[in-house]
Amino acid sequence: MKKFEKMSILNLQFLSDNLEFIQEWLNFLKTGQSYSFHFGHYIINYEEVSKLSNIDLINKVMYLNYKLERINFDFDNFYKGHQENVLKINSMEKEQKLVVSSEYNKIVSQWLEKMENDRTFLENELIDVIANIRVVANAKSQSFFGYLNFLFIHVYPRITQEKIEIAIKNLKKEIAEKTRGI
């Protein structure tokens, strides 16, 4: 479980880094300059999911893995297409280049702003998975049945929505403190 928690925390950092790049790219587009970087890839591990025993956690991790995989794919394709389009635009005559470049920059800006707006959804999904991992791990470590996990699955203690919400609240507080440098 600790492996999933670490992967999710790293993915939160990649999300932050990617959004920082997006903001820089948007600033460069406003000035008409080109900007080059590569989006960080989110960590996805389908193999480790088979080691989990909590079906709700498995579903959440699988859903998150799918979303992260799609975002990796979208970033890669967008960036590849962007580089190809920049090369085509740069090969045009000056007058045509200015018009096409301006229109293209508007399209890129819209896409980047959409990705930036989707941040909250992805961040909440990552936080939810981390909180669920912590609650499940805590429940297993505090019960006799947790030690016999291979025999008894989900026997005691119960993993409630209330415990998950408390874990989410604590995790958001922890993130806020680390962001502020406390």
Protein backbone atom coordinates (compact mmCIF):
# COMPACT_ATOMS: atom_id res chain seq x y z
CA MET A 1 0.00 0.00 0.00
CA LYS A 2 2.86 2.34 0.74
CA LYS A 3 3.97 1.95 -2.87
CA PHE A 4 0.60 3.27 -4.12
CA GLU A 5 0.69 6.12 -1.64
CA LYS A 6 4.19 7.13 -2.81
CA MET A 7 3.17 6.87 -6.48
CA SER A 8 0.10 9.04 -5.84
CA ILE A 9 2.13 11.63 -3.96
CA LEU A 10 4.64 11.73 -6.83
CA ASN A 11 1.76 12.12 -9.28
CA LEU A 12 0.52 15.11 -7.26
CA GLN A 13 3.98 16.64 -7.69
CA PHE A 14 3.98 15.88 -11.43
CA LEU A 15 0.56 17.53 -11.66
CA SER A 16 1.94 20.63 -9.99
CA ASP A 17 5.01 20.67 -12.26
CA ASN A 18 2.96 20.18 -15.42
CA LEU A 19 0.62 23.00 -14.46
CA GLU A 20 3.58 25.25 -13.80
CA PHE A 21 4.81 24.48 -17.33
CA ILE A 22 1.34 25.14 -18.73
CA GLN A 23 1.25 28.54 -17.03
CA GLU A 24 4.69 29.43 -18.42
CA TRP A 25 3.63 28.27 -21.89
CA LEU A 26 0.48 30.41 -21.70
CA ASN A 27 2.60 33.43 -20.75
CA PHE A 28 4.90 32.83 -23.72
CA LEU A 29 1.93 32.43 -26.09
CA LYS A 30 0.63 35.86 -25.02
CA THR A 31 3.91 37.41 -26.14
CA GLY A 32 3.94 35.42 -29.39
CA GLN A 33 7.11 33.55 -28.47
CA SER A 34 7.54 29.81 -28.79
CA TYR A 35 8.10 27.65 -25.75
CA SER A 36 9.50 24.16 -25.55
CA PHE A 37 9.39 21.57 -22.79
CA HIS A 38 8.16 18.07 -22.15
CA PHE A 39 5.28 17.24 -19.83
CA GLY A 40 6.14 14.97 -16.93
CA HIS A 41 4.61 11.51 -17.16
CA TYR A 42 2.37 10.26 -14.39
CA ILE A 43 3.30 6.97 -12.76
CA ILE A 44 0.93 4.15 -13.62
CA ASN A 45 1.28 0.61 -12.31
CA TYR A 46 -1.45 -1.87 -13.16
CA GLU A 47 0.55 -4.87 -11.93
CA GLU A 48 0.60 -3.78 -8.29
CA VAL A 49 -3.18 -3.43 -8.22
CA SER A 50 -3.51 -7.22 -8.11
CA LYS A 51 -1.83 -7.18 -4.71
CA LEU A 52 -4.62 -5.09 -3.17
CA SER A 53 -7.49 -6.79 -1.36
CA ASN A 54 -9.98 -3.94 -0.86
CA ILE A 55 -12.31 -3.88 -3.88
CA ASP A 56 -13.26 -0.21 -3.41
CA LEU A 57 -9.61 0.77 -3.34
CA ILE A 58 -8.87 -1.39 -6.39
CA ASN A 59 -11.66 0.36 -8.31
CA LYS A 60 -10.42 3.81 -7.31
CA VAL A 61 -6.81 3.01 -8.22
CA MET A 62 -7.81 1.45 -11.55
CA TYR A 63 -9.96 4.47 -12.43
CA LEU A 64 -7.15 6.85 -11.48
CA ASN A 65 -4.61 4.81 -13.46
CA TYR A 66 -6.87 4.97 -16.51
CA LYS A 67 -7.28 8.75 -16.17
CA LEU A 68 -3.54 9.29 -15.72
CA GLU A 69 -2.78 7.07 -18.71
CA ARG A 70 -5.21 9.08 -20.87
CA ILE A 71 -3.68 12.35 -19.71
CA ASN A 72 -0.17 11.07 -20.49
CA PHE A 73 -1.37 10.06 -23.94
CA ASP A 74 -3.12 13.43 -24.49
CA PHE A 75 -0.05 15.40 -23.39
CA ASP A 76 2.24 13.37 -25.64
CA ASN A 77 0.01 13.69 -28.69
CA PHE A 78 -0.66 17.36 -28.13
CA TYR A 79 3.01 18.19 -27.72
CA LYS A 80 4.02 16.10 -30.74
CA GLY A 81 1.34 17.78 -32.87
CA HIS A 82 2.36 21.17 -31.54
CA GLN A 83 5.99 20.68 -32.59
CA GLU A 84 4.92 19.56 -36.07
CA ASN A 85 2.62 22.58 -36.44
CA VAL A 86 5.31 25.01 -35.30
CA LEU A 87 7.67 23.62 -37.95
CA LYS A 88 4.98 24.04 -40.63
CA ILE A 89 4.19 27.58 -39.50
CA ASN A 90 7.87 28.53 -39.47
CA SER A 91 8.23 27.39 -43.09
CA MET A 92 5.50 29.83 -44.27
CA GLU A 93 5.98 33.28 -45.74
CA LYS A 94 6.16 36.11 -43.21
CA GLU A 95 2.66 37.60 -43.74
CA GLN A 96 0.92 34.23 -43.74
CA LYS A 97 3.08 33.08 -40.85
CA LEU A 98 1.89 35.95 -38.62
CA VAL A 99 -1.80 35.27 -39.27
CA VAL A 100 -1.58 31.49 -38.91
CA SER A 101 0.67 31.73 -35.87
CA SER A 102 -1.72 34.07 -34.11
CA GLU A 103 -4.71 31.79 -34.74
CA TYR A 104 -2.77 28.71 -33.77
CA ASN A 105 -1.63 30.32 -30.52
CA LYS A 106 -5.28 31.01 -29.64
CA ILE A 107 -6.15 27.34 -30.16
CA VAL A 108 -3.17 26.20 -28.08
CA SER A 109 -4.07 28.67 -25.33
CA GLN A 110 -7.62 27.33 -25.18
CA TRP A 111 -6.41 23.75 -24.88
CA LEU A 112 -3.85 24.64 -22.21
CA GLU A 113 -6.43 26.60 -20.23
CA LYS A 114 -8.76 23.59 -20.37
CA MET A 115 -5.98 21.37 -19.04
CA GLU A 116 -5.30 23.90 -16.31
CA ASN A 117 -8.99 23.96 -15.36
CA ASP A 118 -9.07 20.15 -15.14
CA ARG A 119 -6.43 20.31 -12.42
CA THR A 120 -8.95 20.38 -9.57
CA PHE A 121 -10.61 17.17 -10.73
CA LEU A 122 -7.33 15.27 -11.02
CA GLU A 123 -5.95 16.68 -7.79
CA ASN A 124 -9.12 15.63 -5.92
CA GLU A 125 -8.93 12.13 -7.43
CA LEU A 126 -5.30 11.76 -6.34
CA ILE A 127 -6.08 13.02 -2.84
CA ASP A 128 -9.05 10.67 -2.60
CA VAL A 129 -6.90 7.66 -3.54
CA ILE A 130 -4.16 8.63 -1.07
CA ALA A 131 -6.75 9.07 1.71
CA ASN A 132 -8.34 5.70 0.90
CA ILE A 133 -4.93 4.02 0.92
CA ARG A 134 -4.17 5.51 4.33
CA VAL A 135 -7.53 4.51 5.81
CA VAL A 136 -7.29 0.94 4.46
CA ALA A 137 -3.69 0.58 5.67
CA ASN A 138 -4.61 1.99 9.08
CA ALA A 139 -7.61 -0.35 9.39
CA LYS A 140 -5.48 -3.37 8.56
CA SER A 141 -2.68 -2.44 10.95
CA GLN A 142 -5.08 -1.83 13.87
CA SER A 143 -6.95 -5.11 13.73
CA PHE A 144 -6.12 -8.70 14.46
CA PHE A 145 -7.68 -9.56 11.12
CA GLY A 146 -5.33 -7.11 9.42
CA TYR A 147 -2.50 -9.48 10.20
CA LEU A 148 -4.46 -12.35 8.73
CA ASN A 149 -5.40 -10.38 5.64
CA PHE A 150 -4.77 -13.29 3.34
CA LEU A 151 -7.54 -15.22 5.13
CA PHE A 152 -10.03 -12.52 6.09
CA ILE A 153 -10.79 -9.63 3.80
CA HIS A 154 -12.77 -6.63 5.07
CA VAL A 155 -13.80 -8.23 8.37
CA TYR A 156 -12.87 -5.59 10.94
CA PRO A 157 -12.58 -2.63 11.36
CA ARG A 158 -14.92 -1.12 8.80
CA ILE A 159 -13.68 1.46 6.36
CA THR A 160 -16.30 4.19 6.49
CA GLN A 161 -16.87 7.25 4.38
CA GLU A 162 -16.44 9.33 7.54
CA LYS A 163 -12.92 7.96 8.07
CA ILE A 164 -12.09 8.66 4.43
CA GLU A 165 -13.39 12.24 4.68
CA ILE A 166 -11.28 12.82 7.80
CA ALA A 167 -8.25 11.43 5.97
CA ILE A 168 -8.96 13.71 2.97
CA LYS A 169 -9.26 16.74 5.27
CA ASN A 170 -5.97 15.86 7.02
CA LEU A 171 -4.24 15.25 3.70
CA LYS A 172 -5.37 18.60 2.28
CA LYS A 173 -4.10 20.28 5.46
CA GLU A 174 -0.77 18.44 5.08
CA ILE A 175 -0.48 19.54 1.43
CA ALA A 176 -1.30 23.15 2.33
CA GLU A 177 1.37 23.14 5.05
CA LYS A 178 4.00 21.69 2.73
CA THR A 179 3.05 24.13 -0.02
CA ARG A 180 3.51 27.06 2.37
CA GLY A 181 6.76 25.54 3.62
CA ILE A 182 5.66 24.93 7.21
